[in-house]
PDB file of N, CA and C in Angstrom:
ATOM      1  N   MET A   1     -48.094 -72.640 121.406  1.00  0.00           N
ATOM      2  CA  MET A   1     -48.583 -73.929 121.843  1.00  0.00           C
ATOM      3  C   MET A   1     -47.484 -74.619 122.651  1.00  0.00           C
ATOM      4  N   ARG A   2     -47.823 -75.083 123.811  1.00  0.00           N
ATOM      5  CA  ARG A   2     -46.857 -75.694 124.706  1.00  0.00           C
ATOM      6  C   ARG A   2     -46.972 -77.207 124.666  1.00  0.00           C
ATOM      7  N   ASN A   3     -45.839 -77.879 124.585  1.00  0.00           N
ATOM      8  CA  ASN A   3     -45.810 -79.335 124.565  1.00  0.00           C
ATOM      9  C   ASN A   3     -45.474 -79.832 125.963  1.00  0.00           C
ATOM     10  N   THR A   4     -46.420 -80.481 126.611  1.00  0.00           N
ATOM     11  CA  THR A   4     -46.187 -80.977 127.962  1.00  0.00           C
ATOM     12  C   THR A   4     -45.486 -82.321 127.959  1.00  0.00           C
ATOM     13  N   GLY A   5     -45.479 -83.012 126.815  1.00  0.00           N
ATOM     14  CA  GLY A   5     -44.820 -84.310 126.738  1.00  0.00           C
ATOM     15  C   GLY A   5     -45.683 -85.451 127.233  1.00  0.00           C
ATOM     16  N   LYS A   6     -46.902 -85.156 127.618  1.00  0.00           N
ATOM     17  CA  LYS A   6     -47.800 -86.199 128.103  1.00  0.00           C
ATOM     18  C   LYS A   6     -48.972 -86.327 127.150  1.00  0.00           C
ATOM     19  N   LEU A   7     -49.281 -87.552 126.801  1.00  0.00           N
ATOM     20  CA  LEU A   7     -50.413 -87.829 125.934  1.00  0.00           C
ATOM     21  C   LEU A   7     -51.152 -88.998 126.550  1.00  0.00           C
ATOM     22  N   LYS A   8     -52.371 -88.777 126.941  1.00  0.00           N
ATOM     23  CA  LYS A   8     -53.142 -89.822 127.588  1.00  0.00           C
ATOM     24  C   LYS A   8     -53.566 -90.866 126.565  1.00  0.00           C
ATOM     25  N   ASN A   9     -53.323 -92.120 126.863  1.00  0.00           N
ATOM     26  CA  ASN A   9     -53.651 -93.217 125.962  1.00  0.00           C
ATOM     27  C   ASN A   9     -55.096 -93.644 126.206  1.00  0.00           C
ATOM     28  N   LEU A  10     -56.010 -93.119 125.401  1.00  0.00           N
ATOM     29  CA  LEU A  10     -57.421 -93.483 125.501  1.00  0.00           C
ATOM     30  C   LEU A  10     -57.782 -94.615 124.551  1.00  0.00           C
ATOM     31  N   VAL A  11     -56.900 -94.929 123.637  1.00  0.00           N
ATOM     32  CA  VAL A  11     -57.206 -95.919 122.610  1.00  0.00           C
ATOM     33  C   VAL A  11     -57.268 -97.318 123.187  1.00  0.00           C
ATOM     34  N   SER A  12     -56.229 -97.738 123.897  1.00  0.00           N
ATOM     35  CA  SER A  12     -56.171 -99.134 124.339  1.00  0.00           C
ATOM     36  C   SER A  12     -57.225 -99.465 125.386  1.00  0.00           C
ATOM     37  N   SER A  13     -57.609 -98.506 126.199  1.00  0.00           N
ATOM     38  CA  SER A  13     -58.597 -98.809 127.232  1.00  0.00           C
ATOM     39  C   SER A  13     -60.030 -98.763 126.701  1.00  0.00           C
ATOM     40  N   LYS A  14     -60.284 -98.013 125.663  1.00  0.00           N
ATOM     41  CA  LYS A  14     -61.647 -97.809 125.183  1.00  0.00           C
ATOM     42  C   LYS A  14     -62.008 -98.644 123.961  1.00  0.00           C
ATOM     43  N   SER A  15     -61.026 -99.068 123.192  1.00  0.00           N
ATOM     44  CA  SER A  15     -61.367 -99.662 121.909  1.00  0.00           C
ATOM     45  C   SER A  15     -60.620-100.963 121.653  1.00  0.00           C
ATOM     46  N   ARG A  16     -61.189-102.046 122.092  1.00  0.00           N
ATOM     47  CA  ARG A  16     -60.597-103.357 121.826  1.00  0.00           C
ATOM     48  C   ARG A  16     -60.730-103.706 120.347  1.00  0.00           C
ATOM     49  N   HIS A  17     -61.777-103.210 119.711  1.00  0.00           N
ATOM     50  CA  HIS A  17     -61.984-103.469 118.286  1.00  0.00           C
ATOM     51  C   HIS A  17     -60.840-102.880 117.454  1.00  0.00           C
ATOM     52  N   LEU A  18     -60.441-101.658 117.768  1.00  0.00           N
ATOM     53  CA  LEU A  18     -59.345-101.022 117.046  1.00  0.00           C
ATOM     54  C   LEU A  18     -58.054-101.809 117.222  1.00  0.00           C
ATOM     55  N   GLU A  19     -57.788-102.241 118.438  1.00  0.00           N
ATOM     56  CA  GLU A  19     -56.573-103.014 118.690  1.00  0.00           C
ATOM     57  C   GLU A  19     -56.603-104.341 117.932  1.00  0.00           C
ATOM     58  N   LYS A  20     -57.755-104.982 117.883  1.00  0.00           N
ATOM     59  CA  LYS A  20     -57.888-106.247 117.153  1.00  0.00           C
ATOM     60  C   LYS A  20     -57.641-106.030 115.662  1.00  0.00           C
ATOM     61  N   GLN A  21     -58.171-104.941 115.114  1.00  0.00           N
ATOM     62  CA  GLN A  21     -57.965-104.631 113.703  1.00  0.00           C
ATOM     63  C   GLN A  21     -56.502-104.306 113.414  1.00  0.00           C
ATOM     64  N   LEU A  22     -55.863-103.551 114.288  1.00  0.00           N
ATOM     65  CA  LEU A  22     -54.451-103.227 114.095  1.00  0.00           C
ATOM     66  C   LEU A  22     -53.598-104.489 114.074  1.00  0.00           C
ATOM     67  N   ARG A  23     -53.878-105.395 115.009  1.00  0.00           N
ATOM     68  CA  ARG A  23     -53.107-106.645 115.055  1.00  0.00           C
ATOM     69  C   ARG A  23     -53.396-107.530 113.858  1.00  0.00           C
ATOM     70  N   GLY A  24     -54.666-107.672 113.517  1.00  0.00           N
ATOM     71  CA  GLY A  24     -55.051-108.593 112.453  1.00  0.00           C
ATOM     72  C   GLY A  24     -54.648-108.142 111.061  1.00  0.00           C
ATOM     73  N   LYS A  25     -54.830-106.870 110.774  1.00  0.00           N
ATOM     74  CA  LYS A  25     -54.586-106.388 109.412  1.00  0.00           C
ATOM     75  C   LYS A  25     -53.187-105.839 109.197  1.00  0.00           C
ATOM     76  N   PHE A  26     -52.615-105.243 110.227  1.00  0.00           N
ATOM     77  CA  PHE A  26     -51.332-104.570 110.047  1.00  0.00           C
ATOM     78  C   PHE A  26     -50.210-105.148 110.903  1.00  0.00           C
ATOM     79  N   ASN A  27     -50.510-106.121 111.738  1.00  0.00           N
ATOM     80  CA  ASN A  27     -49.531-106.704 112.656  1.00  0.00           C
ATOM     81  C   ASN A  27     -48.857-105.604 113.481  1.00  0.00           C
ATOM     82  N   ALA A  28     -49.653-104.672 113.964  1.00  0.00           N
ATOM     83  CA  ALA A  28     -49.157-103.564 114.768  1.00  0.00           C
ATOM     84  C   ALA A  28     -49.986-103.490 116.046  1.00  0.00           C
ATOM     85  N   SER A  29     -49.485-102.778 117.016  1.00  0.00           N
ATOM     86  CA  SER A  29     -50.209-102.631 118.273  1.00  0.00           C
ATOM     87  C   SER A  29     -50.508-101.156 118.522  1.00  0.00           C
ATOM     88  N   THR A  30     -51.398-100.912 119.457  1.00  0.00           N
ATOM     89  CA  THR A  30     -51.675 -99.528 119.826  1.00  0.00           C
ATOM     90  C   THR A  30     -50.442 -98.908 120.471  1.00  0.00           C
ATOM     91  N   ASN A  31     -49.612 -99.740 121.078  1.00  0.00           N
ATOM     92  CA  ASN A  31     -48.377 -99.239 121.672  1.00  0.00           C
ATOM     93  C   ASN A  31     -47.466 -98.644 120.596  1.00  0.00           C
ATOM     94  N   LEU A  32     -47.406 -99.281 119.430  1.00  0.00           N
ATOM     95  CA  LEU A  32     -46.600 -98.756 118.328  1.00  0.00           C
ATOM     96  C   LEU A  32     -47.124 -97.388 117.891  1.00  0.00           C
ATOM     97  N   VAL A  33     -48.430 -97.262 117.762  1.00  0.00           N
ATOM     98  CA  VAL A  33     -49.039 -95.987 117.374  1.00  0.00           C
ATOM     99  C   VAL A  33     -48.784 -94.939 118.457  1.00  0.00           C
ATOM    100  N   TYR A  34     -48.922 -95.323 119.698  1.00  0.00           N
ATOM    101  CA  TYR A  34     -48.684 -94.411 120.824  1.00  0.00           C
ATOM    102  C   TYR A  34     -47.239 -93.911 120.819  1.00  0.00           C
ATOM    103  N   ARG A  35     -46.298 -94.847 120.622  1.00  0.00           N
ATOM    104  CA  ARG A  35     -44.880 -94.464 120.582  1.00  0.00           C
ATOM    105  C   ARG A  35     -44.608 -93.506 119.426  1.00  0.00           C
ATOM    106  N   ALA A  36     -45.242 -93.755 118.277  1.00  0.00           N
ATOM    107  CA  ALA A  36     -45.067 -92.862 117.129  1.00  0.00           C
ATOM    108  C   ALA A  36     -45.614 -91.467 117.442  1.00  0.00           C
ATOM    109  N   LEU A  37     -46.762 -91.407 118.099  1.00  0.00           N
ATOM    110  CA  LEU A  37     -47.338 -90.115 118.472  1.00  0.00           C
ATOM    111  C   LEU A  37     -46.462 -89.362 119.462  1.00  0.00           C
ATOM    112  N   MET A  38     -45.726 -90.110 120.272  1.00  0.00           N
ATOM    113  CA  MET A  38     -44.831 -89.486 121.245  1.00  0.00           C
ATOM    114  C   MET A  38     -43.492 -89.086 120.624  1.00  0.00           C
ATOM    115  N   GLY A  39     -43.287 -89.428 119.346  1.00  0.00           N
ATOM    116  CA  GLY A  39     -42.079 -88.990 118.651  1.00  0.00           C
ATOM    117  C   GLY A  39     -40.972 -90.019 118.577  1.00  0.00           C
ATOM    118  N   ASP A  40     -41.258 -91.279 118.860  1.00  0.00           N
ATOM    119  CA  ASP A  40     -40.255 -92.338 118.774  1.00  0.00           C
ATOM    120  C   ASP A  40     -39.875 -92.547 117.308  1.00  0.00           C
ATOM    121  N   LYS A  41     -38.613 -92.276 116.981  1.00  0.00           N
ATOM    122  CA  LYS A  41     -38.151 -92.355 115.591  1.00  0.00           C
ATOM    123  C   LYS A  41     -38.252 -93.767 115.029  1.00  0.00           C
ATOM    124  N   LYS A  42     -37.954 -94.783 115.843  1.00  0.00           N
ATOM    125  CA  LYS A  42     -38.029 -96.171 115.369  1.00  0.00           C
ATOM    126  C   LYS A  42     -39.467 -96.546 115.014  1.00  0.00           C
ATOM    127  N   ALA A  43     -40.411 -96.144 115.845  1.00  0.00           N
ATOM    128  CA  ALA A  43     -41.823 -96.444 115.586  1.00  0.00           C
ATOM    129  C   ALA A  43     -42.303 -95.728 114.328  1.00  0.00           C
ATOM    130  N   LEU A  44     -41.901 -94.472 114.174  1.00  0.00           N
ATOM    131  CA  LEU A  44     -42.276 -93.721 112.973  1.00  0.00           C
ATOM    132  C   LEU A  44     -41.702 -94.364 111.716  1.00  0.00           C
ATOM    133  N   LYS A  45     -40.444 -94.790 111.812  1.00  0.00           N
ATOM    134  CA  LYS A  45     -39.796 -95.426 110.661  1.00  0.00           C
ATOM    135  C   LYS A  45     -40.483 -96.744 110.315  1.00  0.00           C
ATOM    136  N   LEU A  46     -40.854 -97.519 111.331  1.00  0.00           N
ATOM    137  CA  LEU A  46     -41.527 -98.798 111.105  1.00  0.00           C
ATOM    138  C   LEU A  46     -42.893 -98.595 110.445  1.00  0.00           C
ATOM    139  N   ILE A  47     -43.655 -97.628 110.918  1.00  0.00           N
ATOM    140  CA  ILE A  47     -44.963 -97.351 110.321  1.00  0.00           C
ATOM    141  C   ILE A  47     -44.796 -96.875 108.877  1.00  0.00           C
ATOM    142  N   GLY A  48     -43.800 -96.043 108.624  1.00  0.00           N
ATOM    143  CA  GLY A  48     -43.524 -95.602 107.260  1.00  0.00           C
ATOM    144  C   GLY A  48     -43.145 -96.755 106.352  1.00  0.00           C
ATOM    145  N   GLN A  49     -42.311 -97.664 106.864  1.00  0.00           N
ATOM    146  CA  GLN A  49     -41.910 -98.828 106.077  1.00  0.00           C
ATOM    147  C   GLN A  49     -43.105 -99.738 105.802  1.00  0.00           C
ATOM    148  N   MET A  50     -43.991 -99.880 106.770  1.00  0.00           N
ATOM    149  CA  MET A  50     -45.197-100.681 106.565  1.00  0.00           C
ATOM    150  C   MET A  50     -46.061-100.074 105.456  1.00  0.00           C
ATOM    151  N   GLY A  51     -46.140 -98.757 105.419  1.00  0.00           N
ATOM    152  CA  GLY A  51     -46.891 -98.085 104.361  1.00  0.00           C
ATOM    153  C   GLY A  51     -46.268 -98.300 102.993  1.00  0.00           C
ATOM    154  N   ASN A  52     -44.939 -98.209 102.935  1.00  0.00           N
ATOM    155  CA  ASN A  52     -44.242 -98.450 101.665  1.00  0.00           C
ATOM    156  C   ASN A  52     -44.442 -99.881 101.189  1.00  0.00           C
ATOM    157  N   ASP A  53     -44.351-100.832 102.113  1.00  0.00           N
ATOM    158  CA  ASP A  53     -44.557-102.240 101.759  1.00  0.00           C
ATOM    159  C   ASP A  53     -45.975-102.468 101.247  1.00  0.00           C
ATOM    160  N   GLY A  54     -46.939-101.850 101.896  1.00  0.00           N
ATOM    161  CA  GLY A  54     -48.329-101.982 101.461  1.00  0.00           C
ATOM    162  C   GLY A  54     -48.551-101.419 100.067  1.00  0.00           C
ATOM    163  N   ALA A  55     -47.893-100.302  99.771  1.00  0.00           N
ATOM    164  CA  ALA A  55     -48.020 -99.708  98.436  1.00  0.00           C
ATOM    165  C   ALA A  55     -47.430-100.633  97.376  1.00  0.00           C
ATOM    166  N   ARG A  56     -46.282-101.240  97.684  1.00  0.00           N
ATOM    167  CA  ARG A  56     -45.665-102.171  96.728  1.00  0.00           C
ATOM    168  C   ARG A  56     -46.533-103.396  96.510  1.00  0.00           C
ATOM    169  N   ILE A  57     -47.079-103.927  97.591  1.00  0.00           N
ATOM    170  CA  ILE A  57     -47.940-105.109  97.477  1.00  0.00           C
ATOM    171  C   ILE A  57     -49.173-104.781  96.636  1.00  0.00           C
ATOM    172  N   SER A  58     -49.770-103.622  96.878  1.00  0.00           N
ATOM    173  CA  SER A  58     -50.951-103.220  96.104  1.00  0.00           C
ATOM    174  C   SER A  58     -50.629-103.057  94.624  1.00  0.00           C
ATOM    175  N   GLU A  59     -49.424-102.610  94.342  1.00  0.00           N
ATOM    176  CA  GLU A  59     -49.022-102.400  92.953  1.00  0.00           C
ATOM    177  C   GLU A  59     -48.791-103.721  92.222  1.00  0.00           C
ATOM    178  N   PHE A  60     -48.136-104.675  92.887  1.00  0.00           N
ATOM    179  CA  PHE A  60     -47.739-105.905  92.211  1.00  0.00           C
ATOM    180  C   PHE A  60     -48.717-107.069  92.376  1.00  0.00           C
ATOM    181  N   ALA A  61     -49.653-106.985  93.295  1.00  0.00           N
ATOM    182  CA  ALA A  61     -50.596-108.089  93.517  1.00  0.00           C
ATOM    183  C   ALA A  61     -51.415-108.426  92.270  1.00  0.00           C
ATOM    184  N   PRO A  62     -51.944-107.458  91.536  1.00  0.00           N
ATOM    185  CA  PRO A  62     -52.701-107.822  90.325  1.00  0.00           C
ATOM    186  C   PRO A  62     -51.841-108.537  89.278  1.00  0.00           C
ATOM    187  N   LYS A  63     -50.572-108.157  89.183  1.00  0.00           N
ATOM    188  CA  LYS A  63     -49.677-108.797  88.216  1.00  0.00           C
ATOM    189  C   LYS A  63     -49.396-110.236  88.603  1.00  0.00           C
ATOM    190  N   VAL A  64     -49.224-110.480  89.894  1.00  0.00           N
ATOM    191  CA  VAL A  64     -48.964-111.837  90.377  1.00  0.00           C
ATOM    192  C   VAL A  64     -50.207-112.699  90.197  1.00  0.00           C
ATOM    193  N   LYS A  65     -51.372-112.116  90.400  1.00  0.00           N
ATOM    194  CA  LYS A  65     -52.628-112.856  90.261  1.00  0.00           C
ATOM    195  C   LYS A  65     -52.829-113.343  88.829  1.00  0.00           C
ATOM    196  N   GLU A  66     -52.369-112.565  87.857  1.00  0.00           N
ATOM    197  CA  GLU A  66     -52.506-112.937  86.450  1.00  0.00           C
ATOM    198  C   GLU A  66     -51.654-114.148  86.080  1.00  0.00           C
ATOM    199  N   ILE A  67     -50.555-114.331  86.757  1.00  0.00           N
ATOM    200  CA  ILE A  67     -49.618-115.416  86.431  1.00  0.00           C
ATOM    201  C   ILE A  67     -50.132-116.735  86.819  1.00  0.00           C
TER     202      ILE A  67
END
């Protein structure tokens, strides 16, 4: 399999709904996802950190709600 290094961005031009959801729920942009797909280490690290933060929030939110 050959890697040409080019990935056509069909997301931002075709799906405004997806971009709105990314911004509203995750405070992320399609550009961040695109950069991660292209192998940008900073973008990958940021998305990973967002996932870790979400897992922590999901774990502790019920405990905070009880208080």
